[in-house]
């Protein structure tokens, strides 16, 4: 189970991601802006940050820079966008993070969330 922070200004997408990720057993927090995401990150660092590139107000890449200068990045950060594929690939490469293109593929989303999970400790 991963702690996932979804940051997207599209309320329908936030709800869909919330439902899909909870159904997979993950803990999910939602933010509609970079400012809400910073507050949520200060409260508890996520295992996975799913970050929309085109947020209203501060853009997603601005949030990455703010995290890098302060709280630090979560275990895994993944860009979400409907930008043309080449632009999204280039932006993800600049920040050294993976990306998912909108509309999101549920299988790719599942893989991303599973990859962000912390290893479970064995109890003997």
C-alpha atoms as a PDB file:
ATOM      1  CA  UNK A   1       0.000   0.000   0.000  1.00  0.00           C
ATOM      2  CA  UNK A   2       1.325   3.415  -0.983  1.00  0.00           C
ATOM      3  CA  UNK A   3       0.500   6.865   0.363  1.00  0.00           C
ATOM      4  CA  UNK A   4      -0.482   8.772  -2.809  1.00  0.00           C
ATOM      5  CA  UNK A   5      -0.952  12.520  -3.175  1.00  0.00           C
ATOM      6  CA  UNK A   6      -2.949  13.441  -6.290  1.00  0.00           C
ATOM      7  CA  UNK A   7      -2.530  17.051  -7.420  1.00  0.00           C
ATOM      8  CA  UNK A   8      -4.853  18.057 -10.250  1.00  0.00           C
ATOM      9  CA  UNK A   9      -7.217  20.984 -10.735  1.00  0.00           C
ATOM     10  CA  UNK A  10      -9.768  18.801 -12.561  1.00  0.00           C
ATOM     11  CA  UNK A  11     -12.243  17.664  -9.872  1.00  0.00           C
ATOM     12  CA  UNK A  12     -13.563  14.776 -11.973  1.00  0.00           C
ATOM     13  CA  UNK A  13     -10.072  13.380 -12.525  1.00  0.00           C
ATOM     14  CA  UNK A  14      -9.232  13.737  -8.817  1.00  0.00           C
ATOM     15  CA  UNK A  15     -12.346  11.735  -7.888  1.00  0.00           C
ATOM     16  CA  UNK A  16     -11.601   9.065 -10.511  1.00  0.00           C
ATOM     17  CA  UNK A  17      -7.994   8.695  -9.342  1.00  0.00           C
ATOM     18  CA  UNK A  18      -9.121   8.615  -5.720  1.00  0.00           C
ATOM     19  CA  UNK A  19     -11.538   5.771  -6.449  1.00  0.00           C
ATOM     20  CA  UNK A  20      -9.101   3.770  -8.595  1.00  0.00           C
ATOM     21  CA  UNK A  21      -6.215   4.067  -6.156  1.00  0.00           C
ATOM     22  CA  UNK A  22      -8.322   3.321  -3.053  1.00  0.00           C
ATOM     23  CA  UNK A  23      -9.753   0.290  -4.830  1.00  0.00           C
ATOM     24  CA  UNK A  24      -6.163  -0.907  -5.235  1.00  0.00           C
ATOM     25  CA  UNK A  25      -5.614  -0.502  -1.479  1.00  0.00           C
ATOM     26  CA  UNK A  26      -3.642   2.747  -1.439  1.00  0.00           C
ATOM     27  CA  UNK A  27      -4.110   5.697   0.923  1.00  0.00           C
ATOM     28  CA  UNK A  28      -5.006   8.767  -1.113  1.00  0.00           C
ATOM     29  CA  UNK A  29      -4.925  12.479  -0.430  1.00  0.00           C
ATOM     30  CA  UNK A  30      -6.169  15.058  -2.911  1.00  0.00           C
ATOM     31  CA  UNK A  31      -5.033  18.592  -3.718  1.00  0.00           C
ATOM     32  CA  UNK A  32      -6.336  20.963  -6.374  1.00  0.00           C
ATOM     33  CA  UNK A  33      -3.391  23.405  -6.378  1.00  0.00           C
ATOM     34  CA  UNK A  34       0.347  23.639  -5.799  1.00  0.00           C
ATOM     35  CA  UNK A  35      -0.326  25.447  -2.511  1.00  0.00           C
ATOM     36  CA  UNK A  36      -2.578  22.635  -1.233  1.00  0.00           C
ATOM     37  CA  UNK A  37       0.048  20.121  -2.319  1.00  0.00           C
ATOM     38  CA  UNK A  38       2.775  21.952  -0.378  1.00  0.00           C
ATOM     39  CA  UNK A  39       0.628  21.912   2.765  1.00  0.00           C
ATOM     40  CA  UNK A  40      -0.138  18.213   2.328  1.00  0.00           C
ATOM     41  CA  UNK A  41       3.567  17.483   1.728  1.00  0.00           C
ATOM     42  CA  UNK A  42       4.555  19.384   4.873  1.00  0.00           C
ATOM     43  CA  UNK A  43       2.035  17.343   6.843  1.00  0.00           C
ATOM     44  CA  UNK A  44       3.257  13.985   5.529  1.00  0.00           C
ATOM     45  CA  UNK A  45       5.516  13.081   2.622  1.00  0.00           C
ATOM     46  CA  UNK A  46       3.785  10.848   0.095  1.00  0.00           C
ATOM     47  CA  UNK A  47       5.238   7.711  -1.444  1.00  0.00           C
ATOM     48  CA  UNK A  48       3.863   8.844  -4.800  1.00  0.00           C
ATOM     49  CA  UNK A  49       2.977  12.331  -6.020  1.00  0.00           C
ATOM     50  CA  UNK A  50       0.785  12.298  -9.141  1.00  0.00           C
ATOM     51  CA  UNK A  51       1.189  15.844 -10.420  1.00  0.00           C
ATOM     52  CA  UNK A  52      -0.725  17.607 -13.169  1.00  0.00           C
ATOM     53  CA  UNK A  53       1.582  19.776 -15.264  1.00  0.00           C
ATOM     54  CA  UNK A  54      -1.017  22.445 -16.061  1.00  0.00           C
ATOM     55  CA  UNK A  55      -2.394  23.492 -12.698  1.00  0.00           C
ATOM     56  CA  UNK A  56      -4.339  26.715 -12.312  1.00  0.00           C
ATOM     57  CA  UNK A  57      -2.005  29.218 -10.657  1.00  0.00           C
ATOM     58  CA  UNK A  58       1.441  27.671 -10.177  1.00  0.00           C
ATOM     59  CA  UNK A  59       2.334  25.038 -12.750  1.00  0.00           C
ATOM     60  CA  UNK A  60       3.306  21.533 -11.725  1.00  0.00           C
ATOM     61  CA  UNK A  61       6.956  22.075 -12.621  1.00  0.00           C
ATOM     62  CA  UNK A  62       6.992  25.105 -10.294  1.00  0.00           C
ATOM     63  CA  UNK A  63       5.810  22.828  -7.474  1.00  0.00           C
ATOM     64  CA  UNK A  64       8.700  20.455  -8.206  1.00  0.00           C
ATOM     65  CA  UNK A  65      11.181  23.316  -7.874  1.00  0.00           C
ATOM     66  CA  UNK A  66       9.579  24.417  -4.591  1.00  0.00           C
ATOM     67  CA  UNK A  67       9.770  20.879  -3.223  1.00  0.00           C
ATOM     68  CA  UNK A  68      13.408  20.593  -4.313  1.00  0.00           C
ATOM     69  CA  UNK A  69      14.266  23.816  -2.450  1.00  0.00           C
ATOM     70  CA  UNK A  70      12.395  22.931   0.723  1.00  0.00           C
ATOM     71  CA  UNK A  71      10.555  19.806   1.785  1.00  0.00           C
ATOM     72  CA  UNK A  72      12.122  17.492  -0.763  1.00  0.00           C
ATOM     73  CA  UNK A  73      10.462  15.210  -3.264  1.00  0.00           C
ATOM     74  CA  UNK A  74       8.385  12.199  -2.340  1.00  0.00           C
ATOM     75  CA  UNK A  75       9.752   8.683  -2.981  1.00  0.00           C
ATOM     76  CA  UNK A  76       8.303   8.881  -6.499  1.00  0.00           C
ATOM     77  CA  UNK A  77       6.910  11.764  -8.508  1.00  0.00           C
ATOM     78  CA  UNK A  78       4.979  11.265 -11.749  1.00  0.00           C
ATOM     79  CA  UNK A  79       3.822  14.003 -14.117  1.00  0.00           C
ATOM     80  CA  UNK A  80       0.289  13.844 -15.553  1.00  0.00           C
ATOM     81  CA  UNK A  81      -0.688  15.812 -18.618  1.00  0.00           C
ATOM     82  CA  UNK A  82      -2.588  16.037 -21.836  1.00  0.00           C
ATOM     83  CA  UNK A  83       0.291  17.986 -23.391  1.00  0.00           C
ATOM     84  CA  UNK A  84       1.540  16.666 -26.723  1.00  0.00           C
ATOM     85  CA  UNK A  85       3.569  13.524 -25.987  1.00  0.00           C
ATOM     86  CA  UNK A  86       6.929  15.027 -27.035  1.00  0.00           C
ATOM     87  CA  UNK A  87       6.474  18.050 -24.717  1.00  0.00           C
ATOM     88  CA  UNK A  88       5.539  15.810 -21.804  1.00  0.00           C
ATOM     89  CA  UNK A  89       8.488  13.478 -22.425  1.00  0.00           C
ATOM     90  CA  UNK A  90      10.872  16.454 -22.547  1.00  0.00           C
ATOM     91  CA  UNK A  91       9.441  18.022 -19.377  1.00  0.00           C
ATOM     92  CA  UNK A  92       9.626  14.718 -17.510  1.00  0.00           C
ATOM     93  CA  UNK A  93      13.241  14.285 -18.638  1.00  0.00           C
ATOM     94  CA  UNK A  94      14.183  17.764 -17.398  1.00  0.00           C
ATOM     95  CA  UNK A  95      12.943  16.823 -13.910  1.00  0.00           C
ATOM     96  CA  UNK A  96      14.102  13.198 -14.051  1.00  0.00           C
ATOM     97  CA  UNK A  97      10.632  11.789 -13.378  1.00  0.00           C
ATOM     98  CA  UNK A  98       8.232   9.408 -15.128  1.00  0.00           C
ATOM     99  CA  UNK A  99       5.025  10.591 -16.756  1.00  0.00           C
ATOM    100  CA  UNK A 100       1.549   9.376 -17.647  1.00  0.00           C
ATOM    101  CA  UNK A 101      -0.350  10.878 -20.542  1.00  0.00           C
ATOM    102  CA  UNK A 102      -4.015  11.852 -20.157  1.00  0.00           C
ATOM    103  CA  UNK A 103      -6.398  10.156 -20.561  1.00  0.00           C
ATOM    104  CA  UNK A 104      -4.726   7.876 -18.046  1.00  0.00           C
ATOM    105  CA  UNK A 105      -4.266   4.180 -18.637  1.00  0.00           C
ATOM    106  CA  UNK A 106      -5.473   2.369 -15.463  1.00  0.00           C
ATOM    107  CA  UNK A 107      -2.877  -0.396 -15.924  1.00  0.00           C
ATOM    108  CA  UNK A 108      -0.014   2.127 -16.143  1.00  0.00           C
ATOM    109  CA  UNK A 109      -1.412   3.937 -13.103  1.00  0.00           C
ATOM    110  CA  UNK A 110      -1.506   0.664 -11.143  1.00  0.00           C
ATOM    111  CA  UNK A 111       2.119  -0.075 -12.081  1.00  0.00           C
ATOM    112  CA  UNK A 112       3.203   3.412 -11.001  1.00  0.00           C
ATOM    113  CA  UNK A 113       1.476   3.074  -7.625  1.00  0.00           C
ATOM    114  CA  UNK A 114       2.923  -0.403  -7.034  1.00  0.00           C
ATOM    115  CA  UNK A 115       6.421   0.822  -7.890  1.00  0.00           C
ATOM    116  CA  UNK A 116       6.128   3.542  -5.242  1.00  0.00           C
ATOM    117  CA  UNK A 117       5.184   1.205  -2.378  1.00  0.00           C
ATOM    118  CA  UNK A 118       7.578   0.882   0.488  1.00  0.00           C
ATOM    119  CA  UNK A 119       8.977  -2.620   0.991  1.00  0.00           C
ATOM    120  CA  UNK A 120       7.017  -4.491   3.622  1.00  0.00           C
ATOM    121  CA  UNK A 121       8.941  -5.535   6.704  1.00  0.00           C
ATOM    122  CA  UNK A 122       8.911  -9.226   7.457  1.00  0.00           C
ATOM    123  CA  UNK A 123       7.815 -10.279  10.904  1.00  0.00           C
ATOM    124  CA  UNK A 124       9.401 -13.503  12.144  1.00  0.00           C
END
